[in-house]
PDB file of N, CA and C in Angstrom:
ATOM      1  N   UNK A   1     115.959  95.811 119.900  1.00  0.00           N
ATOM      2  CA  UNK A   1     114.787  96.627 120.169  1.00  0.00           C
ATOM      3  C   UNK A   1     115.155  98.112 120.272  1.00  0.00           C
ATOM      4  N   UNK A   2     116.312  98.405 120.856  1.00  0.00           N
ATOM      5  CA  UNK A   2     116.704  99.809 121.017  1.00  0.00           C
ATOM      6  C   UNK A   2     116.948 100.471 119.664  1.00  0.00           C
ATOM      7  N   UNK A   3     117.397  99.686 118.669  1.00  0.00           N
ATOM      8  CA  UNK A   3     117.603 100.254 117.329  1.00  0.00           C
ATOM      9  C   UNK A   3     116.282 100.738 116.744  1.00  0.00           C
ATOM     10  N   UNK A   4     115.226  99.988 116.976  1.00  0.00           N
ATOM     11  CA  UNK A   4     113.917 100.396 116.462  1.00  0.00           C
ATOM     12  C   UNK A   4     113.413 101.654 117.157  1.00  0.00           C
ATOM     13  N   UNK A   5     113.673 101.779 118.433  1.00  0.00           N
ATOM     14  CA  UNK A   5     113.255 102.977 119.167  1.00  0.00           C
ATOM     15  C   UNK A   5     114.024 104.191 118.657  1.00  0.00           C
ATOM     16  N   UNK A   6     115.333 104.036 118.469  1.00  0.00           N
ATOM     17  CA  UNK A   6     116.145 105.142 117.939  1.00  0.00           C
ATOM     18  C   UNK A   6     115.664 105.520 116.545  1.00  0.00           C
ATOM     19  N   UNK A   7     115.433 104.505 115.712  1.00  0.00           N
ATOM     20  CA  UNK A   7     114.958 104.762 114.343  1.00  0.00           C
ATOM     21  C   UNK A   7     113.610 105.484 114.367  1.00  0.00           C
ATOM     22  N   UNK A   8     112.738 105.089 115.290  1.00  0.00           N
ATOM     23  CA  UNK A   8     111.430 105.720 115.428  1.00  0.00           C
ATOM     24  C   UNK A   8     111.578 107.206 115.762  1.00  0.00           C
ATOM     25  N   UNK A   9     112.421 107.518 116.740  1.00  0.00           N
ATOM     26  CA  UNK A   9     112.573 108.917 117.150  1.00  0.00           C
ATOM     27  C   UNK A   9     113.295 109.761 116.100  1.00  0.00           C
ATOM     28  N   UNK A  10     114.357 109.225 115.522  1.00  0.00           N
ATOM     29  CA  UNK A  10     115.068 109.976 114.479  1.00  0.00           C
ATOM     30  C   UNK A  10     114.152 110.182 113.279  1.00  0.00           C
ATOM     31  N   UNK A  11     113.477 109.121 112.876  1.00  0.00           N
ATOM     32  CA  UNK A  11     112.553 109.233 111.742  1.00  0.00           C
ATOM     33  C   UNK A  11     111.445 110.232 112.009  1.00  0.00           C
ATOM     34  N   UNK A  12     110.872 110.192 113.198  1.00  0.00           N
ATOM     35  CA  UNK A  12     109.809 111.127 113.548  1.00  0.00           C
ATOM     36  C   UNK A  12     110.272 112.568 113.559  1.00  0.00           C
ATOM     37  N   UNK A  13     111.466 112.787 114.098  1.00  0.00           N
ATOM     38  CA  UNK A  13     112.018 114.136 114.131  1.00  0.00           C
ATOM     39  C   UNK A  13     112.269 114.658 112.722  1.00  0.00           C
ATOM     40  N   UNK A  14     112.892 113.840 111.899  1.00  0.00           N
ATOM     41  CA  UNK A  14     113.209 114.282 110.539  1.00  0.00           C
ATOM     42  C   UNK A  14     111.940 114.446 109.705  1.00  0.00           C
ATOM     43  N   UNK A  15     110.954 113.558 109.891  1.00  0.00           N
ATOM     44  CA  UNK A  15     109.674 113.713 109.194  1.00  0.00           C
ATOM     45  C   UNK A  15     109.038 115.041 109.567  1.00  0.00           C
ATOM     46  N   UNK A  16     109.092 115.379 110.851  1.00  0.00           N
ATOM     47  CA  UNK A  16     108.507 116.651 111.294  1.00  0.00           C
ATOM     48  C   UNK A  16     109.212 117.845 110.667  1.00  0.00           C
ATOM     49  N   UNK A  17     110.529 117.786 110.603  1.00  0.00           N
ATOM     50  CA  UNK A  17     111.285 118.886 109.994  1.00  0.00           C
ATOM     51  C   UNK A  17     110.946 119.021 108.515  1.00  0.00           C
ATOM     52  N   UNK A  18     110.925 117.894 107.812  1.00  0.00           N
ATOM     53  CA  UNK A  18     110.607 117.950 106.388  1.00  0.00           C
ATOM     54  C   UNK A  18     109.147 118.328 106.141  1.00  0.00           C
ATOM     55  N   UNK A  19     108.237 117.977 107.060  1.00  0.00           N
ATOM     56  CA  UNK A  19     106.840 118.381 106.914  1.00  0.00           C
ATOM     57  C   UNK A  19     106.708 119.896 107.025  1.00  0.00           C
ATOM     58  N   UNK A  20     107.463 120.492 107.944  1.00  0.00           N
ATOM     59  CA  UNK A  20     107.466 121.953 108.073  1.00  0.00           C
ATOM     60  C   UNK A  20     108.001 122.578 106.786  1.00  0.00           C
ATOM     61  N   UNK A  21     109.094 122.018 106.254  1.00  0.00           N
ATOM     62  CA  UNK A  21     109.636 122.524 104.984  1.00  0.00           C
ATOM     63  C   UNK A  21     108.616 122.383 103.858  1.00  0.00           C
ATOM     64  N   UNK A  22     107.907 121.266 103.850  1.00  0.00           N
ATOM     65  CA  UNK A  22     106.898 121.054 102.820  1.00  0.00           C
ATOM     66  C   UNK A  22     105.771 122.062 102.894  1.00  0.00           C
ATOM     67  N   UNK A  23     105.429 122.497 104.099  1.00  0.00           N
ATOM     68  CA  UNK A  23     104.382 123.509 104.244  1.00  0.00           C
ATOM     69  C   UNK A  23     104.837 124.881 103.766  1.00  0.00           C
ATOM     70  N   UNK A  24     106.131 125.107 103.729  1.00  0.00           N
ATOM     71  CA  UNK A  24     106.642 126.407 103.297  1.00  0.00           C
ATOM     72  C   UNK A  24     106.604 126.575 101.786  1.00  0.00           C
ATOM     73  N   UNK A  25     106.617 125.469 101.049  1.00  0.00           N
ATOM     74  CA  UNK A  25     106.681 125.528  99.590  1.00  0.00           C
ATOM     75  C   UNK A  25     105.321 125.269  98.963  1.00  0.00           C
ATOM     76  N   UNK A  26     105.170 125.745  97.744  1.00  0.00           N
ATOM     77  CA  UNK A  26     103.944 125.502  96.991  1.00  0.00           C
ATOM     78  C   UNK A  26     104.315 124.735  95.740  1.00  0.00           C
ATOM     79  N   UNK A  27     103.571 123.829  95.230  1.00  0.00           N
ATOM     80  CA  UNK A  27     102.272 123.377  95.719  1.00  0.00           C
ATOM     81  C   UNK A  27     102.409 122.514  96.970  1.00  0.00           C
ATOM     82  N   UNK A  28     101.313 122.360  97.651  1.00  0.00           N
ATOM     83  CA  UNK A  28     101.318 121.633  98.914  1.00  0.00           C
ATOM     84  C   UNK A  28     101.604 120.146  98.730  1.00  0.00           C
ATOM     85  N   UNK A  29     101.567 119.653  97.504  1.00  0.00           N
ATOM     86  CA  UNK A  29     101.881 118.239  97.270  1.00  0.00           C
ATOM     87  C   UNK A  29     103.336 117.931  97.593  1.00  0.00           C
ATOM     88  N   UNK A  30     104.184 118.974  97.691  1.00  0.00           N
ATOM     89  CA  UNK A  30     105.569 118.758  98.085  1.00  0.00           C
ATOM     90  C   UNK A  30     105.687 118.292  99.529  1.00  0.00           C
ATOM     91  N   UNK A  31     104.683 118.560 100.352  1.00  0.00           N
ATOM     92  CA  UNK A  31     104.759 118.179 101.763  1.00  0.00           C
ATOM     93  C   UNK A  31     104.935 116.673 101.908  1.00  0.00           C
ATOM     94  N   UNK A  32     104.225 115.889 101.133  1.00  0.00           N
ATOM     95  CA  UNK A  32     104.374 114.439 101.192  1.00  0.00           C
ATOM     96  C   UNK A  32     105.730 113.982 100.710  1.00  0.00           C
ATOM     97  N   UNK A  33     106.212 114.630  99.671  1.00  0.00           N
ATOM     98  CA  UNK A  33     107.530 114.302  99.133  1.00  0.00           C
ATOM     99  C   UNK A  33     108.617 114.589 100.153  1.00  0.00           C
ATOM    100  N   UNK A  34     108.542 115.743 100.805  1.00  0.00           N
ATOM    101  CA  UNK A  34     109.534 116.105 101.798  1.00  0.00           C
ATOM    102  C   UNK A  34     109.394 115.281 103.074  1.00  0.00           C
ATOM    103  N   UNK A  35     108.193 114.793 103.341  1.00  0.00           N
ATOM    104  CA  UNK A  35     107.955 114.110 104.610  1.00  0.00           C
ATOM    105  C   UNK A  35     108.395 112.669 104.672  1.00  0.00           C
ATOM    106  N   UNK A  36     108.394 111.959 103.566  1.00  0.00           N
ATOM    107  CA  UNK A  36     108.596 110.517 103.626  1.00  0.00           C
ATOM    108  C   UNK A  36     110.022 110.075 103.321  1.00  0.00           C
ATOM    109  N   UNK A  37     110.387 110.106 102.070  1.00  0.00           N
ATOM    110  CA  UNK A  37     111.636 109.479 101.630  1.00  0.00           C
ATOM    111  C   UNK A  37     112.892 110.047 102.274  1.00  0.00           C
ATOM    112  N   UNK A  38     113.074 111.354 102.337  1.00  0.00           N
ATOM    113  CA  UNK A  38     114.330 111.851 102.925  1.00  0.00           C
ATOM    114  C   UNK A  38     114.491 111.466 104.386  1.00  0.00           C
ATOM    115  N   UNK A  39     113.403 111.453 105.123  1.00  0.00           N
ATOM    116  CA  UNK A  39     113.516 111.152 106.541  1.00  0.00           C
ATOM    117  C   UNK A  39     113.906 109.700 106.767  1.00  0.00           C
ATOM    118  N   UNK A  40     113.350 108.800 106.004  1.00  0.00           N
ATOM    119  CA  UNK A  40     113.687 107.391 106.147  1.00  0.00           C
ATOM    120  C   UNK A  40     115.146 107.165 105.752  1.00  0.00           C
ATOM    121  N   UNK A  41     115.557 107.777 104.657  1.00  0.00           N
ATOM    122  CA  UNK A  41     116.939 107.619 104.202  1.00  0.00           C
ATOM    123  C   UNK A  41     117.922 108.184 105.220  1.00  0.00           C
ATOM    124  N   UNK A  42     117.644 109.359 105.753  1.00  0.00           N
ATOM    125  CA  UNK A  42     118.549 109.967 106.723  1.00  0.00           C
ATOM    126  C   UNK A  42     118.612 109.172 108.022  1.00  0.00           C
ATOM    127  N   UNK A  43     117.475 108.682 108.474  1.00  0.00           N
ATOM    128  CA  UNK A  43     117.475 107.867 109.693  1.00  0.00           C
ATOM    129  C   UNK A  43     118.267 106.585 109.475  1.00  0.00           C
ATOM    130  N   UNK A  44     118.090 105.967 108.329  1.00  0.00           N
ATOM    131  CA  UNK A  44     118.816 104.737 108.021  1.00  0.00           C
ATOM    132  C   UNK A  44     120.311 104.997 107.929  1.00  0.00           C
ATOM    133  N   UNK A  45     120.703 106.057 107.235  1.00  0.00           N
ATOM    134  CA  UNK A  45     122.129 106.369 107.126  1.00  0.00           C
ATOM    135  C   UNK A  45     122.739 106.721 108.479  1.00  0.00           C
ATOM    136  N   UNK A  46     122.008 107.458 109.296  1.00  0.00           N
ATOM    137  CA  UNK A  46     122.508 107.792 110.631  1.00  0.00           C
ATOM    138  C   UNK A  46     122.753 106.565 111.482  1.00  0.00           C
ATOM    139  N   UNK A  47     121.814 105.648 111.473  1.00  0.00           N
ATOM    140  CA  UNK A  47     121.989 104.416 112.235  1.00  0.00           C
ATOM    141  C   UNK A  47     123.098 103.550 111.657  1.00  0.00           C
ATOM    142  N   UNK A  48     123.239 103.567 110.334  1.00  0.00           N
ATOM    143  CA  UNK A  48     124.295 102.784 109.696  1.00  0.00           C
ATOM    144  C   UNK A  48     125.666 103.318 110.087  1.00  0.00           C
ATOM    145  N   UNK A  49     125.812 104.641 110.134  1.00  0.00           N
ATOM    146  CA  UNK A  49     127.085 105.235 110.552  1.00  0.00           C
ATOM    147  C   UNK A  49     127.411 104.814 111.982  1.00  0.00           C
ATOM    148  N   UNK A  50     126.415 104.870 112.869  1.00  0.00           N
ATOM    149  CA  UNK A  50     126.647 104.507 114.265  1.00  0.00           C
ATOM    150  C   UNK A  50     126.952 103.026 114.438  1.00  0.00           C
ATOM    151  N   UNK A  51     126.278 102.196 113.650  1.00  0.00           N
ATOM    152  CA  UNK A  51     126.394 100.753 113.853  1.00  0.00           C
ATOM    153  C   UNK A  51     127.551 100.134 113.069  1.00  0.00           C
ATOM    154  N   UNK A  52     127.767 100.572 111.816  1.00  0.00           N
ATOM    155  CA  UNK A  52     128.748  99.903 110.960  1.00  0.00           C
ATOM    156  C   UNK A  52     129.862 100.809 110.458  1.00  0.00           C
ATOM    157  N   UNK A  53     129.781 102.102 110.752  1.00  0.00           N
ATOM    158  CA  UNK A  53     130.861 103.008 110.380  1.00  0.00           C
ATOM    159  C   UNK A  53     130.618 103.750 109.079  1.00  0.00           C
ATOM    160  N   UNK A  54     131.467 104.753 108.864  1.00  0.00           N
ATOM    161  CA  UNK A  54     131.330 105.639 107.712  1.00  0.00           C
ATOM    162  C   UNK A  54     131.509 104.985 106.361  1.00  0.00           C
ATOM    163  N   UNK A  55     132.531 104.135 106.170  1.00  0.00           N
ATOM    164  CA  UNK A  55     132.713 103.527 104.845  1.00  0.00           C
ATOM    165  C   UNK A  55     131.512 102.682 104.394  1.00  0.00           C
ATOM    166  N   UNK A  56     130.945 101.937 105.327  1.00  0.00           N
ATOM    167  CA  UNK A  56     129.770 101.138 104.983  1.00  0.00           C
ATOM    168  C   UNK A  56     128.580 102.048 104.662  1.00  0.00           C
ATOM    169  N   UNK A  57     128.419 103.124 105.424  1.00  0.00           N
ATOM    170  CA  UNK A  57     127.332 104.067 105.174  1.00  0.00           C
ATOM    171  C   UNK A  57     127.508 104.760 103.828  1.00  0.00           C
ATOM    172  N   UNK A  58     128.754 104.993 103.409  1.00  0.00           N
ATOM    173  CA  UNK A  58     129.002 105.600 102.099  1.00  0.00           C
ATOM    174  C   UNK A  58     128.510 104.691 100.982  1.00  0.00           C
ATOM    175  N   UNK A  59     128.740 103.392 101.121  1.00  0.00           N
ATOM    176  CA  UNK A  59     128.230 102.431 100.127  1.00  0.00           C
ATOM    177  C   UNK A  59     126.713 102.454 100.106  1.00  0.00           C
ATOM    178  N   UNK A  60     126.110 102.483 101.284  1.00  0.00           N
ATOM    179  CA  UNK A  60     124.645 102.553 101.367  1.00  0.00           C
ATOM    180  C   UNK A  60     124.123 103.839 100.721  1.00  0.00           C
ATOM    181  N   UNK A  61     124.803 104.946 100.948  1.00  0.00           N
ATOM    182  CA  UNK A  61     124.391 106.220 100.358  1.00  0.00           C
ATOM    183  C   UNK A  61     124.469 106.196  98.843  1.00  0.00           C
ATOM    184  N   UNK A  62     125.553 105.615  98.307  1.00  0.00           N
ATOM    185  CA  UNK A  62     125.661 105.486  96.842  1.00  0.00           C
ATOM    186  C   UNK A  62     124.553 104.608  96.294  1.00  0.00           C
ATOM    187  N   UNK A  63     124.233 103.558  97.017  1.00  0.00           N
ATOM    188  CA  UNK A  63     123.142 102.677  96.584  1.00  0.00           C
ATOM    189  C   UNK A  63     121.807 103.417  96.568  1.00  0.00           C
ATOM    190  N   UNK A  64     121.605 104.275  97.552  1.00  0.00           N
ATOM    191  CA  UNK A  64     120.376 105.075  97.585  1.00  0.00           C
ATOM    192  C   UNK A  64     120.313 106.032  96.398  1.00  0.00           C
ATOM    193  N   UNK A  65     121.457 106.615  96.036  1.00  0.00           N
ATOM    194  CA  UNK A  65     121.482 107.518  94.877  1.00  0.00           C
ATOM    195  C   UNK A  65     121.181 106.778  93.577  1.00  0.00           C
ATOM    196  N   UNK A  66     121.735 105.587  93.431  1.00  0.00           N
ATOM    197  CA  UNK A  66     121.426 104.781  92.244  1.00  0.00           C
ATOM    198  C   UNK A  66     119.938 104.469  92.196  1.00  0.00           C
ATOM    199  N   UNK A  67     119.376 104.089  93.331  1.00  0.00           N
ATOM    200  CA  UNK A  67     117.941 103.809  93.392  1.00  0.00           C
ATOM    201  C   UNK A  67     117.102 105.029  93.068  1.00  0.00           C
ATOM    202  N   UNK A  68     117.560 106.196  93.503  1.00  0.00           N
ATOM    203  CA  UNK A  68     116.819 107.431  93.223  1.00  0.00           C
ATOM    204  C   UNK A  68     116.822 107.753  91.737  1.00  0.00           C
ATOM    205  N   UNK A  69     117.960 107.570  91.075  1.00  0.00           N
ATOM    206  CA  UNK A  69     118.032 107.832  89.636  1.00  0.00           C
ATOM    207  C   UNK A  69     117.129 106.856  88.883  1.00  0.00           C
ATOM    208  N   UNK A  70     117.185 105.583  89.268  1.00  0.00           N
ATOM    209  CA  UNK A  70     116.333 104.582  88.608  1.00  0.00           C
ATOM    210  C   UNK A  70     114.851 104.887  88.847  1.00  0.00           C
ATOM    211  N   UNK A  71     114.507 105.315  90.050  1.00  0.00           N
ATOM    212  CA  UNK A  71     113.117 105.669  90.343  1.00  0.00           C
ATOM    213  C   UNK A  71     112.672 106.881  89.544  1.00  0.00           C
ATOM    214  N   UNK A  72     113.569 107.850  89.364  1.00  0.00           N
ATOM    215  CA  UNK A  72     113.243 109.023  88.559  1.00  0.00           C
ATOM    216  C   UNK A  72     112.921 108.617  87.124  1.00  0.00           C
ATOM    217  N   UNK A  73     113.759 107.749  86.545  1.00  0.00           N
ATOM    218  CA  UNK A  73     113.523 107.274  85.177  1.00  0.00           C
ATOM    219  C   UNK A  73     112.197 106.531  85.104  1.00  0.00           C
ATOM    220  N   UNK A  74     111.946 105.663  86.068  1.00  0.00           N
ATOM    221  CA  UNK A  74     110.694 104.910  86.120  1.00  0.00           C
ATOM    222  C   UNK A  74     109.487 105.855  86.197  1.00  0.00           C
ATOM    223  N   UNK A  75     109.561 106.822  87.088  1.00  0.00           N
ATOM    224  CA  UNK A  75     108.440 107.754  87.287  1.00  0.00           C
ATOM    225  C   UNK A  75     108.170 108.593  86.041  1.00  0.00           C
ATOM    226  N   UNK A  76     109.237 109.070  85.420  1.00  0.00           N
ATOM    227  CA  UNK A  76     109.063 109.869  84.201  1.00  0.00           C
ATOM    228  C   UNK A  76     108.460 109.030  83.072  1.00  0.00           C
ATOM    229  N   UNK A  77     108.913 107.790  82.945  1.00  0.00           N
ATOM    230  CA  UNK A  77     108.383 106.929  81.898  1.00  0.00           C
ATOM    231  C   UNK A  77     106.926 106.583  82.143  1.00  0.00           C
ATOM    232  N   UNK A  78     106.568 106.264  83.377  1.00  0.00           N
ATOM    233  CA  UNK A  78     105.161 105.971  83.682  1.00  0.00           C
ATOM    234  C   UNK A  78     104.297 107.193  83.407  1.00  0.00           C
ATOM    235  N   UNK A  79     104.748 108.357  83.823  1.00  0.00           N
ATOM    236  CA  UNK A  79     103.982 109.585  83.566  1.00  0.00           C
ATOM    237  C   UNK A  79     103.794 109.811  82.072  1.00  0.00           C
ATOM    238  N   UNK A  80     104.854 109.620  81.307  1.00  0.00           N
ATOM    239  CA  UNK A  80     104.780 109.816  79.859  1.00  0.00           C
ATOM    240  C   UNK A  80     103.811 108.809  79.228  1.00  0.00           C
ATOM    241  N   UNK A  81     103.906 107.553  79.634  1.00  0.00           N
ATOM    242  CA  UNK A  81     103.015 106.529  79.069  1.00  0.00           C
ATOM    243  C   UNK A  81     101.557 106.798  79.418  1.00  0.00           C
ATOM    244  N   UNK A  82     101.313 107.291  80.618  1.00  0.00           N
ATOM    245  CA  UNK A  82      99.938 107.570  81.034  1.00  0.00           C
ATOM    246  C   UNK A  82      99.376 108.820  80.369  1.00  0.00           C
ATOM    247  N   UNK A  83     100.164 109.890  80.354  1.00  0.00           N
ATOM    248  CA  UNK A  83      99.652 111.166  79.863  1.00  0.00           C
ATOM    249  C   UNK A  83      99.693 111.300  78.344  1.00  0.00           C
ATOM    250  N   UNK A  84     100.778 110.882  77.734  1.00  0.00           N
ATOM    251  CA  UNK A  84     100.931 111.061  76.284  1.00  0.00           C
ATOM    252  C   UNK A  84     100.365 109.907  75.473  1.00  0.00           C
ATOM    253  N   UNK A  85     100.630 108.693  75.942  1.00  0.00           N
ATOM    254  CA  UNK A  85     100.226 107.511  75.169  1.00  0.00           C
ATOM    255  C   UNK A  85      98.889 106.943  75.615  1.00  0.00           C
ATOM    256  N   UNK A  86      98.367 107.439  76.734  1.00  0.00           N
ATOM    257  CA  UNK A  86      97.067 107.021  77.268  1.00  0.00           C
ATOM    258  C   UNK A  86      96.999 105.519  77.564  1.00  0.00           C
ATOM    259  N   UNK A  87      98.108 104.964  78.077  1.00  0.00           N
ATOM    260  CA  UNK A  87      98.140 103.558  78.449  1.00  0.00           C
ATOM    261  C   UNK A  87      97.351 103.344  79.734  1.00  0.00           C
ATOM    262  N   UNK A  88      96.926 102.112  79.954  1.00  0.00           N
ATOM    263  CA  UNK A  88      96.307 101.728  81.218  1.00  0.00           C
ATOM    264  C   UNK A  88      97.388 101.773  82.301  1.00  0.00           C
ATOM    265  N   UNK A  89      97.027 102.166  83.515  1.00  0.00           N
ATOM    266  CA  UNK A  89      98.025 102.392  84.563  1.00  0.00           C
ATOM    267  C   UNK A  89      98.802 101.121  84.921  1.00  0.00           C
ATOM    268  N   UNK A  90      98.132  99.986  84.976  1.00  0.00           N
ATOM    269  CA  UNK A  90      98.841  98.751  85.305  1.00  0.00           C
ATOM    270  C   UNK A  90      99.853  98.390  84.225  1.00  0.00           C
ATOM    271  N   UNK A  91      99.480  98.535  82.981  1.00  0.00           N
ATOM    272  CA  UNK A  91     100.385  98.232  81.875  1.00  0.00           C
ATOM    273  C   UNK A  91     101.595  99.175  81.886  1.00  0.00           C
ATOM    274  N   UNK A  92     101.345 100.456  82.112  1.00  0.00           N
ATOM    275  CA  UNK A  92     102.449 101.430  82.156  1.00  0.00           C
ATOM    276  C   UNK A  92     103.392 101.132  83.316  1.00  0.00           C
ATOM    277  N   UNK A  93     102.828 100.823  84.483  1.00  0.00           N
ATOM    278  CA  UNK A  93     103.655 100.564  85.667  1.00  0.00           C
ATOM    279  C   UNK A  93     104.505  99.314  85.496  1.00  0.00           C
ATOM    280  N   UNK A  94     103.925  98.274  84.949  1.00  0.00           N
ATOM    281  CA  UNK A  94     104.667  97.020  84.770  1.00  0.00           C
ATOM    282  C   UNK A  94     105.704  97.163  83.659  1.00  0.00           C
ATOM    283  N   UNK A  95     105.346  97.826  82.569  1.00  0.00           N
ATOM    284  CA  UNK A  95     106.276  98.005  81.459  1.00  0.00           C
ATOM    285  C   UNK A  95     107.485  98.842  81.876  1.00  0.00           C
ATOM    286  N   UNK A  96     107.268  99.843  82.697  1.00  0.00           N
ATOM    287  CA  UNK A  96     108.366 100.731  83.121  1.00  0.00           C
ATOM    288  C   UNK A  96     109.324 100.055  84.090  1.00  0.00           C
ATOM    289  N   UNK A  97     108.965  98.884  84.606  1.00  0.00           N
ATOM    290  CA  UNK A  97     109.893  98.163  85.473  1.00  0.00           C
ATOM    291  C   UNK A  97     111.141  97.718  84.719  1.00  0.00           C
ATOM    292  N   UNK A  98     110.988  97.428  83.426  1.00  0.00           N
ATOM    293  CA  UNK A  98     112.137  96.975  82.638  1.00  0.00           C
ATOM    294  C   UNK A  98     113.210  98.062  82.571  1.00  0.00           C
ATOM    295  N   UNK A  99     112.877  99.291  82.165  1.00  0.00           N
ATOM    296  CA  UNK A  99     113.902 100.343  82.189  1.00  0.00           C
ATOM    297  C   UNK A  99     114.421 100.643  83.603  1.00  0.00           C
ATOM    298  N   UNK A 100     113.568 100.498  84.603  1.00  0.00           N
ATOM    299  CA  UNK A 100     114.026 100.709  85.976  1.00  0.00           C
ATOM    300  C   UNK A 100     115.156  99.745  86.307  1.00  0.00           C
ATOM    301  N   UNK A 101     114.961  98.456  85.988  1.00  0.00           N
ATOM    302  CA  UNK A 101     116.005  97.462  86.241  1.00  0.00           C
ATOM    303  C   UNK A 101     117.258  97.747  85.419  1.00  0.00           C
ATOM    304  N   UNK A 102     117.081  98.135  84.165  1.00  0.00           N
ATOM    305  CA  UNK A 102     118.232  98.420  83.304  1.00  0.00           C
ATOM    306  C   UNK A 102     119.047  99.575  83.874  1.00  0.00           C
ATOM    307  N   UNK A 103     118.385 100.637  84.283  1.00  0.00           N
ATOM    308  CA  UNK A 103     119.092 101.796  84.841  1.00  0.00           C
ATOM    309  C   UNK A 103     119.756 101.427  86.164  1.00  0.00           C
ATOM    310  N   UNK A 104     119.026 100.777  87.055  1.00  0.00           N
ATOM    311  CA  UNK A 104     119.583 100.438  88.365  1.00  0.00           C
ATOM    312  C   UNK A 104     120.782  99.493  88.237  1.00  0.00           C
ATOM    313  N   UNK A 105     120.620  98.436  87.464  1.00  0.00           N
ATOM    314  CA  UNK A 105     121.716  97.477  87.318  1.00  0.00           C
ATOM    315  C   UNK A 105     122.857  98.057  86.494  1.00  0.00           C
ATOM    316  N   UNK A 106     122.531  98.884  85.501  1.00  0.00           N
ATOM    317  CA  UNK A 106     123.571  99.521  84.702  1.00  0.00           C
ATOM    318  C   UNK A 106     124.429 100.466  85.522  1.00  0.00           C
ATOM    319  N   UNK A 107     123.798 101.292  86.351  1.00  0.00           N
ATOM    320  CA  UNK A 107     124.564 102.198  87.215  1.00  0.00           C
ATOM    321  C   UNK A 107     125.376 101.426  88.253  1.00  0.00           C
ATOM    322  N   UNK A 108     124.777 100.365  88.774  1.00  0.00           N
ATOM    323  CA  UNK A 108     125.493  99.540  89.739  1.00  0.00           C
ATOM    324  C   UNK A 108     126.745  98.930  89.103  1.00  0.00           C
ATOM    325  N   UNK A 109     126.584  98.399  87.883  1.00  0.00           N
ATOM    326  CA  UNK A 109     127.728  97.806  87.180  1.00  0.00           C
ATOM    327  C   UNK A 109     128.771  98.866  86.840  1.00  0.00           C
ATOM    328  N   UNK A 110     128.312 100.055  86.494  1.00  0.00           N
ATOM    329  CA  UNK A 110     129.240 101.142  86.169  1.00  0.00           C
ATOM    330  C   UNK A 110     130.081 101.542  87.378  1.00  0.00           C
ATOM    331  N   UNK A 111     129.457 101.590  88.529  1.00  0.00           N
ATOM    332  CA  UNK A 111     130.156 102.021  89.751  1.00  0.00           C
ATOM    333  C   UNK A 111     130.990 100.895  90.348  1.00  0.00           C
ATOM    334  N   UNK A 112     130.416  99.709  90.447  1.00  0.00           N
ATOM    335  CA  UNK A 112     131.113  98.606  91.120  1.00  0.00           C
ATOM    336  C   UNK A 112     131.661  97.552  90.160  1.00  0.00           C
ATOM    337  N   UNK A 113     131.393  97.727  88.846  1.00  0.00           N
ATOM    338  CA  UNK A 113     131.868  96.887  87.766  1.00  0.00           C
ATOM    339  C   UNK A 113     132.400  95.604  88.160  1.00  0.00           C
TER     340      UNK A 113
END
């Protein structure tokens, strides 16, 4: 239970910091980007360092980077399919899962082979 309380406070603090940063930049749509993902990742990594140590947290951090690259590819492909090819959103989202898996598993195999 104490881990959840710590995660709640660390996450809330980091969300607040990133929300302030998001308000400083334009367009304001960056506020949501700065508020969510980085705070969750940082809170998780902080707790992982405290609970399981630095080497384990390093593996988790690399995994997060692989996931971020795969998500970037997925997002760019969905945007391209929606804007350029005028695909239906469900079809674009489901179709882009295939390259997401290829990138994520490919990077994982490249790093941990």
